[in-house]
């Protein structure tokens, strides 16, 4: 299944979030980060880090799901690589959560 992976943001990241995947979840959403005043760097980072953790975890789940499908299709090397991608994504999530937790201490 393909789905649109569009993210409409009211702030700039300097890159586009538009891309498609062959997976089993709906990931289209929008953000409205408008406030009466400018967001502080800490507020911006907290918002972004939460989004990145959730986004990364959804990809991690897909890697694992497709690893199982590849294994069942006799594609052991691909399954192994996808499991490795899942493991590495877990490390990325932990690094993002560490940064997010550090914001709470600043």
N, C-alpha and C. Protein backbone atom coordinates (compact mmCIF):
# COMPACT_ATOMS: atom_id res chain seq x y z
N UNK A 1 0.83 -1.17 0.00
CA UNK A 1 0.00 0.00 0.00
C UNK A 1 0.87 1.23 0.00
N UNK A 2 0.50 2.21 -0.77
CA UNK A 2 1.22 3.47 -0.76
C UNK A 2 0.37 4.50 -0.04
N UNK A 3 1.03 5.44 0.57
CA UNK A 3 0.31 6.56 1.15
C UNK A 3 1.15 7.80 1.00
N UNK A 4 0.47 8.93 1.03
CA UNK A 4 1.19 10.19 1.00
C UNK A 4 1.76 10.44 2.37
N UNK A 5 2.91 11.00 2.40
CA UNK A 5 3.63 11.24 3.63
C UNK A 5 3.89 12.73 3.73
N UNK A 6 2.83 13.51 3.56
CA UNK A 6 2.95 14.96 3.54
C UNK A 6 2.86 15.51 4.95
N UNK A 7 3.66 16.47 5.22
CA UNK A 7 3.63 17.18 6.48
C UNK A 7 3.50 18.67 6.16
N UNK A 8 2.41 19.27 6.58
CA UNK A 8 2.25 20.71 6.38
C UNK A 8 2.65 21.41 7.66
N UNK A 9 3.68 22.19 7.60
CA UNK A 9 4.20 22.89 8.78
C UNK A 9 4.08 24.39 8.55
N UNK A 10 3.83 25.10 9.63
CA UNK A 10 3.83 26.55 9.58
C UNK A 10 5.18 27.10 10.01
N UNK A 11 6.21 26.31 9.88
CA UNK A 11 7.58 26.75 10.15
C UNK A 11 8.49 26.06 9.15
N UNK A 12 9.66 26.61 8.97
CA UNK A 12 10.55 26.11 7.91
C UNK A 12 11.62 25.19 8.48
N UNK A 13 11.84 24.08 7.78
CA UNK A 13 12.92 23.16 8.12
C UNK A 13 14.03 23.25 7.08
N UNK A 14 13.80 23.94 5.97
CA UNK A 14 14.79 24.00 4.92
C UNK A 14 14.79 22.78 4.03
N UNK A 15 13.77 21.92 4.18
CA UNK A 15 13.65 20.75 3.33
C UNK A 15 12.20 20.32 3.27
N UNK A 16 11.88 19.48 2.32
CA UNK A 16 10.52 19.01 2.15
C UNK A 16 10.31 17.69 2.88
N UNK A 17 9.09 17.48 3.35
CA UNK A 17 8.72 16.22 3.98
C UNK A 17 7.88 15.35 3.07
N UNK A 18 7.74 15.70 1.80
CA UNK A 18 6.88 14.94 0.91
C UNK A 18 7.61 13.73 0.36
N UNK A 19 7.11 12.54 0.68
CA UNK A 19 7.62 11.32 0.11
C UNK A 19 6.61 10.20 0.34
N UNK A 20 6.72 9.14 -0.41
CA UNK A 20 5.79 8.03 -0.29
C UNK A 20 6.52 6.78 0.17
N UNK A 21 5.77 5.91 0.82
CA UNK A 21 6.30 4.64 1.30
C UNK A 21 5.33 3.53 0.92
N UNK A 22 5.82 2.33 0.91
CA UNK A 22 4.98 1.16 0.74
C UNK A 22 4.88 0.50 2.10
N UNK A 23 3.88 0.92 2.88
CA UNK A 23 3.73 0.39 4.23
C UNK A 23 2.28 0.46 4.66
N UNK A 24 2.05 0.20 5.93
CA UNK A 24 0.69 0.00 6.40
C UNK A 24 0.18 1.07 7.36
N UNK A 25 0.61 2.31 7.22
CA UNK A 25 0.07 3.31 8.12
C UNK A 25 -0.16 4.63 7.42
N UNK A 26 -1.05 5.41 8.00
CA UNK A 26 -1.35 6.75 7.48
C UNK A 26 -0.53 7.74 8.28
N UNK A 27 0.29 8.49 7.61
CA UNK A 27 1.20 9.38 8.31
C UNK A 27 0.99 10.84 7.93
N UNK A 28 -0.08 11.16 7.21
CA UNK A 28 -0.32 12.55 6.86
C UNK A 28 -0.83 13.32 8.05
N UNK A 29 -0.26 14.46 8.30
CA UNK A 29 -0.71 15.31 9.38
C UNK A 29 -0.20 16.72 9.17
N UNK A 30 -0.72 17.65 9.94
CA UNK A 30 -0.24 19.02 9.87
C UNK A 30 0.08 19.53 11.26
N UNK A 31 0.88 20.55 11.27
CA UNK A 31 1.24 21.20 12.52
C UNK A 31 0.93 22.68 12.38
N UNK A 32 0.38 23.26 13.43
CA UNK A 32 0.24 24.70 13.48
C UNK A 32 0.94 25.15 14.75
N UNK A 33 2.12 25.67 14.58
CA UNK A 33 2.92 26.08 15.73
C UNK A 33 2.82 27.57 15.97
N UNK A 34 1.75 28.20 15.49
CA UNK A 34 1.63 29.64 15.67
C UNK A 34 1.27 29.95 17.12
N UNK A 35 1.88 30.95 17.63
CA UNK A 35 1.65 31.43 18.99
C UNK A 35 1.55 32.94 18.92
N UNK A 36 1.10 33.53 20.01
CA UNK A 36 1.02 34.99 20.03
C UNK A 36 2.41 35.61 19.88
N UNK A 37 3.41 34.98 20.42
CA UNK A 37 4.78 35.46 20.30
C UNK A 37 5.63 34.41 19.63
N UNK A 38 6.87 34.73 19.45
CA UNK A 38 7.82 33.78 18.85
C UNK A 38 8.10 32.66 19.85
N UNK A 39 8.17 31.44 19.33
CA UNK A 39 8.51 30.30 20.19
C UNK A 39 9.98 30.38 20.57
N UNK A 40 10.27 29.98 21.79
CA UNK A 40 11.67 29.92 22.21
C UNK A 40 12.34 28.73 21.52
N UNK A 41 13.65 28.73 21.49
CA UNK A 41 14.38 27.61 20.91
C UNK A 41 14.02 26.31 21.62
N UNK A 42 13.87 26.36 22.94
CA UNK A 42 13.51 25.17 23.71
C UNK A 42 12.14 24.64 23.30
N UNK A 43 11.17 25.54 23.10
CA UNK A 43 9.83 25.13 22.68
C UNK A 43 9.86 24.52 21.28
N UNK A 44 10.60 25.14 20.39
CA UNK A 44 10.73 24.60 19.03
C UNK A 44 11.35 23.21 19.06
N UNK A 45 12.45 23.08 19.81
CA UNK A 45 13.13 21.79 19.88
C UNK A 45 12.25 20.72 20.53
N UNK A 46 11.53 21.08 21.58
CA UNK A 46 10.65 20.10 22.24
C UNK A 46 9.60 19.60 21.26
N UNK A 47 9.02 20.50 20.48
CA UNK A 47 8.02 20.12 19.49
C UNK A 47 8.63 19.23 18.42
N UNK A 48 9.76 19.64 17.89
CA UNK A 48 10.41 18.87 16.84
C UNK A 48 10.88 17.51 17.34
N UNK A 49 11.47 17.47 18.51
CA UNK A 49 11.98 16.20 19.04
C UNK A 49 10.84 15.20 19.27
N UNK A 50 9.72 15.68 19.79
CA UNK A 50 8.57 14.78 19.97
C UNK A 50 8.10 14.23 18.63
N UNK A 51 8.03 15.09 17.64
CA UNK A 51 7.61 14.67 16.29
C UNK A 51 8.62 13.66 15.73
N UNK A 52 9.90 13.95 15.84
CA UNK A 52 10.92 13.07 15.29
C UNK A 52 10.91 11.69 15.95
N UNK A 53 10.70 11.65 17.26
CA UNK A 53 10.64 10.36 17.97
C UNK A 53 9.47 9.55 17.42
N UNK A 54 8.29 10.15 17.34
CA UNK A 54 7.11 9.44 16.84
C UNK A 54 7.32 8.98 15.40
N UNK A 55 7.86 9.87 14.58
CA UNK A 55 8.10 9.58 13.17
C UNK A 55 9.10 8.43 13.02
N UNK A 56 10.17 8.49 13.76
CA UNK A 56 11.19 7.45 13.69
C UNK A 56 10.63 6.11 14.16
N UNK A 57 9.84 6.12 15.20
CA UNK A 57 9.26 4.87 15.71
C UNK A 57 8.32 4.24 14.68
N UNK A 58 7.57 5.06 13.95
CA UNK A 58 6.67 4.49 12.95
C UNK A 58 7.48 3.84 11.83
N UNK A 59 8.59 4.44 11.45
CA UNK A 59 9.45 3.83 10.44
C UNK A 59 10.08 2.55 10.98
N UNK A 60 10.50 2.57 12.22
CA UNK A 60 11.10 1.39 12.84
C UNK A 60 10.12 0.21 12.80
N UNK A 61 8.87 0.46 13.13
CA UNK A 61 7.85 -0.58 13.07
C UNK A 61 7.70 -1.14 11.66
N UNK A 62 7.76 -0.26 10.66
CA UNK A 62 7.66 -0.69 9.27
C UNK A 62 8.85 -1.54 8.85
N UNK A 63 10.04 -1.16 9.27
CA UNK A 63 11.23 -1.95 8.93
C UNK A 63 11.06 -3.38 9.44
N UNK A 64 10.58 -3.50 10.69
CA UNK A 64 10.42 -4.81 11.29
C UNK A 64 9.33 -5.62 10.57
N UNK A 65 8.24 -4.96 10.24
CA UNK A 65 7.16 -5.63 9.52
C UNK A 65 7.64 -6.15 8.17
N UNK A 66 8.37 -5.31 7.44
CA UNK A 66 8.86 -5.72 6.13
C UNK A 66 10.00 -6.74 6.24
N UNK A 67 10.73 -6.73 7.33
CA UNK A 67 11.75 -7.76 7.55
C UNK A 67 11.06 -9.12 7.67
N UNK A 68 9.95 -9.17 8.39
CA UNK A 68 9.20 -10.43 8.51
C UNK A 68 8.67 -10.88 7.16
N UNK A 69 8.15 -9.95 6.37
CA UNK A 69 7.63 -10.29 5.04
C UNK A 69 8.76 -10.78 4.13
N UNK A 70 9.91 -10.12 4.20
CA UNK A 70 11.05 -10.54 3.38
C UNK A 70 11.52 -11.94 3.79
N UNK A 71 11.59 -12.19 5.10
CA UNK A 71 12.00 -13.51 5.60
C UNK A 71 11.04 -14.58 5.10
N UNK A 72 9.73 -14.31 5.19
CA UNK A 72 8.72 -15.27 4.75
C UNK A 72 8.80 -15.52 3.24
N UNK A 73 9.36 -14.57 2.50
CA UNK A 73 9.51 -14.72 1.05
C UNK A 73 10.86 -15.31 0.67
N UNK A 74 11.63 -15.73 1.67
CA UNK A 74 12.92 -16.34 1.40
C UNK A 74 14.03 -15.35 1.13
N UNK A 75 13.84 -14.11 1.52
CA UNK A 75 14.84 -13.06 1.29
C UNK A 75 15.56 -12.75 2.61
N UNK A 76 16.32 -13.73 3.07
CA UNK A 76 16.95 -13.65 4.40
C UNK A 76 17.93 -12.48 4.52
N UNK A 77 18.73 -12.21 3.49
CA UNK A 77 19.69 -11.11 3.56
C UNK A 77 18.98 -9.76 3.69
N UNK A 78 17.90 -9.60 2.95
CA UNK A 78 17.14 -8.34 3.02
C UNK A 78 16.47 -8.23 4.39
N UNK A 79 15.92 -9.34 4.87
CA UNK A 79 15.30 -9.34 6.19
C UNK A 79 16.32 -8.94 7.26
N UNK A 80 17.52 -9.46 7.15
CA UNK A 80 18.57 -9.14 8.11
C UNK A 80 18.92 -7.65 8.06
N UNK A 81 19.03 -7.11 6.87
CA UNK A 81 19.33 -5.68 6.73
C UNK A 81 18.22 -4.81 7.29
N UNK A 82 16.97 -5.20 7.08
CA UNK A 82 15.85 -4.43 7.62
C UNK A 82 15.80 -4.53 9.14
N UNK A 83 16.14 -5.69 9.70
CA UNK A 83 16.22 -5.80 11.16
C UNK A 83 17.34 -4.90 11.70
N UNK A 84 18.44 -4.82 10.97
CA UNK A 84 19.53 -3.92 11.37
C UNK A 84 19.08 -2.47 11.32
N UNK A 85 18.33 -2.11 10.28
CA UNK A 85 17.79 -0.74 10.19
C UNK A 85 16.87 -0.45 11.38
N UNK A 86 16.09 -1.44 11.77
CA UNK A 86 15.22 -1.30 12.94
C UNK A 86 16.05 -1.07 14.20
N UNK A 87 17.09 -1.85 14.37
CA UNK A 87 17.97 -1.70 15.54
C UNK A 87 18.61 -0.31 15.57
N UNK A 88 19.11 0.13 14.43
CA UNK A 88 19.73 1.44 14.35
C UNK A 88 18.72 2.56 14.60
N UNK A 89 17.49 2.37 14.13
CA UNK A 89 16.44 3.35 14.39
C UNK A 89 16.16 3.45 15.88
N UNK A 90 16.27 2.34 16.58
CA UNK A 90 16.11 2.37 18.03
C UNK A 90 17.18 3.24 18.68
N UNK A 91 18.40 3.17 18.16
CA UNK A 91 19.48 4.03 18.67
C UNK A 91 19.18 5.50 18.39
N UNK A 92 18.64 5.78 17.20
CA UNK A 92 18.26 7.16 16.85
C UNK A 92 17.19 7.65 17.81
N UNK A 93 16.18 6.83 18.05
CA UNK A 93 15.11 7.21 18.98
C UNK A 93 15.68 7.52 20.36
N UNK A 94 16.58 6.66 20.84
CA UNK A 94 17.18 6.90 22.17
C UNK A 94 17.95 8.22 22.20
N UNK A 95 18.67 8.55 21.12
CA UNK A 95 19.41 9.82 21.07
C UNK A 95 18.45 11.01 21.07
N UNK A 96 17.36 10.89 20.32
CA UNK A 96 16.37 11.97 20.28
C UNK A 96 15.69 12.13 21.64
N UNK A 97 15.38 11.02 22.28
CA UNK A 97 14.76 11.09 23.62
C UNK A 97 15.72 11.68 24.64
N UNK A 98 17.00 11.36 24.52
CA UNK A 98 18.02 11.94 25.41
C UNK A 98 18.04 13.45 25.26
N UNK A 99 18.01 13.92 24.01
CA UNK A 99 17.98 15.37 23.76
C UNK A 99 16.72 15.99 24.33
N UNK A 100 15.60 15.33 24.13
CA UNK A 100 14.32 15.83 24.65
C UNK A 100 14.34 15.91 26.19
N UNK A 101 14.87 14.86 26.83
CA UNK A 101 14.97 14.86 28.29
C UNK A 101 15.90 15.96 28.80
N UNK A 102 16.95 16.23 28.05
CA UNK A 102 17.89 17.28 28.44
C UNK A 102 17.21 18.66 28.42
N UNK A 103 16.24 18.83 27.54
CA UNK A 103 15.50 20.10 27.49
C UNK A 103 14.74 20.34 28.80
N UNK A 104 14.23 19.27 29.38
CA UNK A 104 13.49 19.39 30.63
C UNK A 104 14.36 19.79 31.80
N UNK A 105 15.66 19.59 31.65
CA UNK A 105 16.61 19.90 32.73
C UNK A 105 17.27 21.26 32.54
N UNK A 106 16.99 21.90 31.37
CA UNK A 106 17.65 23.20 31.13
C UNK A 106 16.85 24.35 31.64
